[in-house]
Amino acid sequence: MAISLREMSLPMQALVFAVLAVALIAAGLFVPMSPLKEKDGELQTLTASLGKLKSDISNLQSVRSQLPTLELEIRGVQDQIENLRQRIPSEKNADEFIREMQRAAAGAGVNIRRLKAQSVAARDQYYEMPFEVEIDGPYYAVSDFFNRLSKVNRLINVGDLSLKSTVEGAGKKYPLRPGTTVTGTFTAITFFTKPGEAPATAGGAPPTKR
């Protein structure tokens, strides 16, 4: 026999309403394609998107904090390239190189007896321009001469160095100035780049001064 809801007592009516509410909520949660289920899916998607966005922001902040260091490193490399452009010109400028050698010799009190250009050698990214040089002078003046060469703006390598004392009979070819104790020869090599190419910064770079 069916009983009307109105015939029930108030506590019984409250119990029935509570049971119905639980049933409706359960239906919303577990019934496929229900509006509540769809909203729950949207919430999960938005939560995942928010987490990814926070991660991206954190990564961007990390990169931003490194920008000053990266910019400083870039400026340092740019300065090195510009320095190489000055030390390894694009043209031979042989006359200017000879003047640099003569200025270094005059400043040190050394005589350059012979400065003979040799064949230019082509490398992958630059040219070598060697000169055979003969000098004489006081020992410490010769040492100062090589020190001055190391400070010339243009890159110069010294090789095949052969020095001997004038006491050993050297210097007969030229009249020596008083105080001259050393005479000898060496090869001075300077460099220039191929037309349209920047100085090499690695791999094919010219050797440093010795």
Protein backbone atom coordinates (compact mmCIF):
# COMPACT_ATOMS: atom_id res chain seq x y z
CA MET A 1 0.00 0.00 0.00
CA ALA A 2 1.48 3.32 -1.11
CA ILE A 3 1.92 5.98 1.49
CA SER A 4 1.74 9.69 0.53
CA LEU A 5 4.71 11.86 1.48
CA ARG A 6 2.32 14.23 3.25
CA GLU A 7 1.14 11.41 5.50
CA MET A 8 4.69 10.84 6.76
CA SER A 9 6.02 12.48 9.84
CA LEU A 10 8.43 15.40 9.48
CA PRO A 11 11.52 13.36 10.46
CA MET A 12 10.59 10.72 7.90
CA GLN A 13 10.08 13.39 5.20
CA ALA A 14 13.54 14.84 5.97
CA LEU A 15 15.08 11.39 5.67
CA VAL A 16 13.45 10.83 2.29
CA PHE A 17 14.70 14.19 0.98
CA ALA A 18 18.23 13.39 2.17
CA VAL A 19 18.19 10.05 0.37
CA LEU A 20 16.98 11.71 -2.84
CA ALA A 21 19.72 14.37 -2.62
CA VAL A 22 22.42 11.72 -2.26
CA ALA A 23 21.00 9.80 -5.23
CA LEU A 24 20.99 12.92 -7.42
CA ILE A 25 24.57 13.79 -6.51
CA ALA A 26 25.68 10.22 -7.20
CA ALA A 27 23.92 10.30 -10.55
CA GLY A 28 25.68 13.55 -11.42
CA LEU A 29 29.08 12.13 -10.56
CA PHE A 30 28.86 8.71 -12.15
CA VAL A 31 26.39 8.98 -14.99
CA PRO A 32 28.36 9.43 -18.26
CA MET A 33 27.99 12.78 -20.07
CA SER A 34 26.23 14.39 -17.11
CA PRO A 35 26.79 18.20 -16.75
CA LEU A 36 28.59 17.68 -13.45
CA LYS A 37 30.90 15.10 -15.02
CA GLU A 38 31.68 17.48 -17.88
CA LYS A 39 32.47 20.33 -15.50
CA ASP A 40 34.70 18.04 -13.48
CA GLY A 41 36.62 17.18 -16.67
CA GLU A 42 36.94 20.86 -17.53
CA LEU A 43 38.26 21.54 -14.04
CA GLN A 44 40.91 18.85 -14.38
CA THR A 45 41.97 20.20 -17.81
CA LEU A 46 42.20 23.76 -16.51
CA THR A 47 44.17 22.59 -13.48
CA ALA A 48 46.67 20.79 -15.72
CA SER A 49 46.97 23.88 -17.96
CA LEU A 50 47.57 26.05 -14.92
CA GLY A 51 50.34 23.74 -13.73
CA LYS A 52 52.04 23.82 -17.15
CA LEU A 53 51.75 27.61 -17.29
CA LYS A 54 53.35 27.95 -13.86
CA SER A 55 56.18 25.67 -15.01
CA ASP A 56 56.70 27.76 -18.18
CA ILE A 57 56.76 30.96 -16.12
CA SER A 58 59.34 29.45 -13.78
CA ASN A 59 61.53 28.44 -16.75
CA LEU A 60 61.24 31.90 -18.28
CA GLN A 61 62.22 33.52 -14.99
CA SER A 62 65.28 31.24 -14.86
CA VAL A 63 66.28 32.24 -18.40
CA ARG A 64 65.67 35.91 -17.62
CA SER A 65 68.02 35.71 -14.64
CA GLN A 66 70.75 34.39 -16.98
CA LEU A 67 70.35 37.16 -19.57
CA PRO A 68 72.90 39.58 -18.00
CA THR A 69 75.55 36.85 -17.98
CA LEU A 70 74.78 35.87 -21.58
CA GLU A 71 74.88 39.50 -22.72
CA LEU A 72 78.25 39.96 -20.97
CA GLU A 73 79.65 36.86 -22.68
CA ILE A 74 78.39 38.09 -26.08
CA ARG A 75 80.09 41.47 -25.57
CA GLY A 76 83.29 39.67 -24.58
CA VAL A 77 83.29 37.60 -27.77
CA GLN A 78 82.53 40.70 -29.84
CA ASP A 79 85.50 42.48 -28.25
CA GLN A 80 87.74 39.49 -29.01
CA ILE A 81 86.63 39.49 -32.65
CA GLU A 82 87.29 43.22 -32.95
CA ASN A 83 90.72 42.77 -31.35
CA LEU A 84 91.52 40.02 -33.85
CA ARG A 85 90.42 42.27 -36.71
CA GLN A 86 92.96 44.84 -35.57
CA ARG A 87 95.78 42.35 -34.94
CA ILE A 88 95.14 40.37 -38.13
CA PRO A 89 94.24 42.93 -40.83
CA SER A 90 92.52 42.01 -44.06
CA GLU A 91 95.33 43.47 -46.19
CA LYS A 92 99.06 42.73 -46.23
CA ASN A 93 100.14 46.22 -45.13
CA ALA A 94 103.74 45.03 -45.50
CA ASP A 95 105.14 48.58 -45.37
CA GLU A 96 103.43 49.25 -42.05
CA PHE A 97 104.70 45.93 -40.68
CA ILE A 98 108.28 46.85 -41.63
CA ARG A 99 107.89 50.23 -39.94
CA GLU A 100 106.63 48.48 -36.78
CA MET A 101 109.74 46.28 -36.79
CA GLN A 102 112.02 49.30 -37.27
CA ARG A 103 110.31 51.26 -34.49
CA ALA A 104 110.72 48.34 -32.09
CA ALA A 105 114.40 48.01 -33.02
CA ALA A 106 115.08 51.74 -32.69
CA GLY A 107 113.31 51.89 -29.33
CA ALA A 108 115.39 49.01 -28.00
CA GLY A 109 118.69 50.19 -29.49
CA VAL A 110 119.04 47.23 -31.87
CA ASN A 111 120.24 47.31 -35.48
CA ILE A 112 118.21 45.57 -38.16
CA ARG A 113 120.85 44.60 -40.74
CA ARG A 114 118.54 42.73 -43.08
CA LEU A 115 114.77 42.37 -43.42
CA LYS A 116 113.92 40.20 -46.41
CA ALA A 117 110.36 39.27 -47.41
CA GLN A 118 109.73 35.59 -48.12
CA SER A 119 106.93 33.81 -49.95
CA VAL A 120 103.42 34.29 -48.58
CA ALA A 121 101.83 31.01 -47.44
CA ALA A 122 98.08 30.46 -47.79
CA ARG A 123 96.26 28.72 -44.94
CA ASP A 124 92.61 27.74 -44.55
CA GLN A 125 91.43 31.06 -43.12
CA TYR A 126 94.43 33.39 -43.34
CA TYR A 127 97.77 34.07 -45.01
CA GLU A 128 101.22 33.91 -43.40
CA MET A 129 103.64 36.66 -44.43
CA PRO A 130 107.20 35.76 -43.26
CA PHE A 131 110.32 37.93 -43.17
CA GLU A 132 113.90 36.85 -42.62
CA VAL A 133 115.50 39.28 -40.18
CA GLU A 134 119.11 39.81 -39.14
CA ILE A 135 119.89 41.93 -36.07
CA ASP A 136 122.70 42.81 -33.70
CA GLY A 137 123.06 44.80 -30.50
CA PRO A 138 123.68 44.53 -26.77
CA TYR A 139 122.20 41.37 -25.21
CA TYR A 140 119.64 43.17 -23.05
CA ALA A 141 118.72 45.45 -25.95
CA VAL A 142 117.97 42.40 -28.11
CA SER A 143 115.84 40.99 -25.29
CA ASP A 144 113.98 44.32 -25.07
CA PHE A 145 113.48 44.28 -28.85
CA PHE A 146 111.63 40.95 -28.72
CA ASN A 147 109.62 42.20 -25.77
CA ARG A 148 108.57 45.24 -27.80
CA LEU A 149 107.58 42.99 -30.71
CA SER A 150 105.25 41.08 -28.39
CA LYS A 151 103.40 44.33 -27.65
CA VAL A 152 102.95 45.44 -31.26
CA ASN A 153 99.26 45.70 -32.12
CA ARG A 154 99.68 43.44 -35.13
CA LEU A 155 100.19 39.74 -34.37
CA ILE A 156 103.81 38.68 -34.92
CA ASN A 157 105.32 35.24 -34.38
CA VAL A 158 109.07 34.76 -34.02
CA GLY A 159 110.68 31.48 -35.08
CA ASP A 160 113.94 29.93 -36.23
CA LEU A 161 115.83 32.16 -33.79
CA SER A 162 119.61 31.82 -33.93
CA LEU A 163 121.76 34.13 -31.79
CA LYS A 164 125.48 34.09 -31.13
CA SER A 165 128.04 36.20 -29.37
CA THR A 166 130.13 38.65 -31.37
CA VAL A 167 133.13 37.20 -29.55
CA GLU A 168 132.71 34.08 -31.70
CA GLY A 169 133.69 36.04 -34.79
CA ALA A 170 130.25 37.28 -35.75
CA GLY A 171 129.79 40.80 -36.98
CA LYS A 172 132.58 40.89 -39.52
CA LYS A 173 130.07 41.59 -42.28
CA TYR A 174 128.96 44.86 -40.66
CA PRO A 175 130.75 47.39 -38.46
CA LEU A 176 129.33 46.93 -34.96
CA ARG A 177 128.45 49.75 -32.62
CA PRO A 178 130.19 49.86 -29.25
CA GLY A 179 128.48 47.63 -26.71
CA THR A 180 127.19 45.14 -29.29
CA THR A 181 127.50 41.63 -27.88
CA VAL A 182 124.90 39.59 -29.79
CA THR A 183 124.08 39.05 -33.43
CA GLY A 184 121.71 36.63 -35.09
CA THR A 185 118.80 35.87 -37.38
CA PHE A 186 115.16 34.88 -36.97
CA THR A 187 111.94 34.61 -38.97
CA ALA A 188 109.20 37.09 -38.18
CA ILE A 189 105.76 35.97 -39.36
CA THR A 190 102.71 38.20 -39.46
CA PHE A 191 99.25 37.45 -40.83
CA PHE A 192 96.43 38.87 -42.90
CA THR A 193 93.03 37.46 -43.78
CA LYS A 194 91.56 36.56 -47.12
CA PRO A 195 89.32 39.21 -48.70
CA GLY A 196 85.88 39.22 -47.17
CA GLU A 197 86.74 36.84 -44.32
CA ALA A 198 86.91 37.61 -40.62
CA PRO A 199 89.93 36.50 -38.57
CA ALA A 200 89.60 32.92 -37.35
CA THR A 201 88.65 32.53 -33.68
CA ALA A 202 89.19 28.79 -33.42
CA GLY A 203 90.48 25.80 -35.34
CA GLY A 204 92.34 27.62 -38.11
CA ALA A 205 93.56 30.50 -35.96
CA PRO A 206 97.19 31.62 -36.35
CA PRO A 207 99.54 30.49 -33.55
CA THR A 208 100.11 32.95 -30.72
CA LYS A 209 103.29 34.92 -30.21
CA ARG A 210 106.31 33.11 -28.88
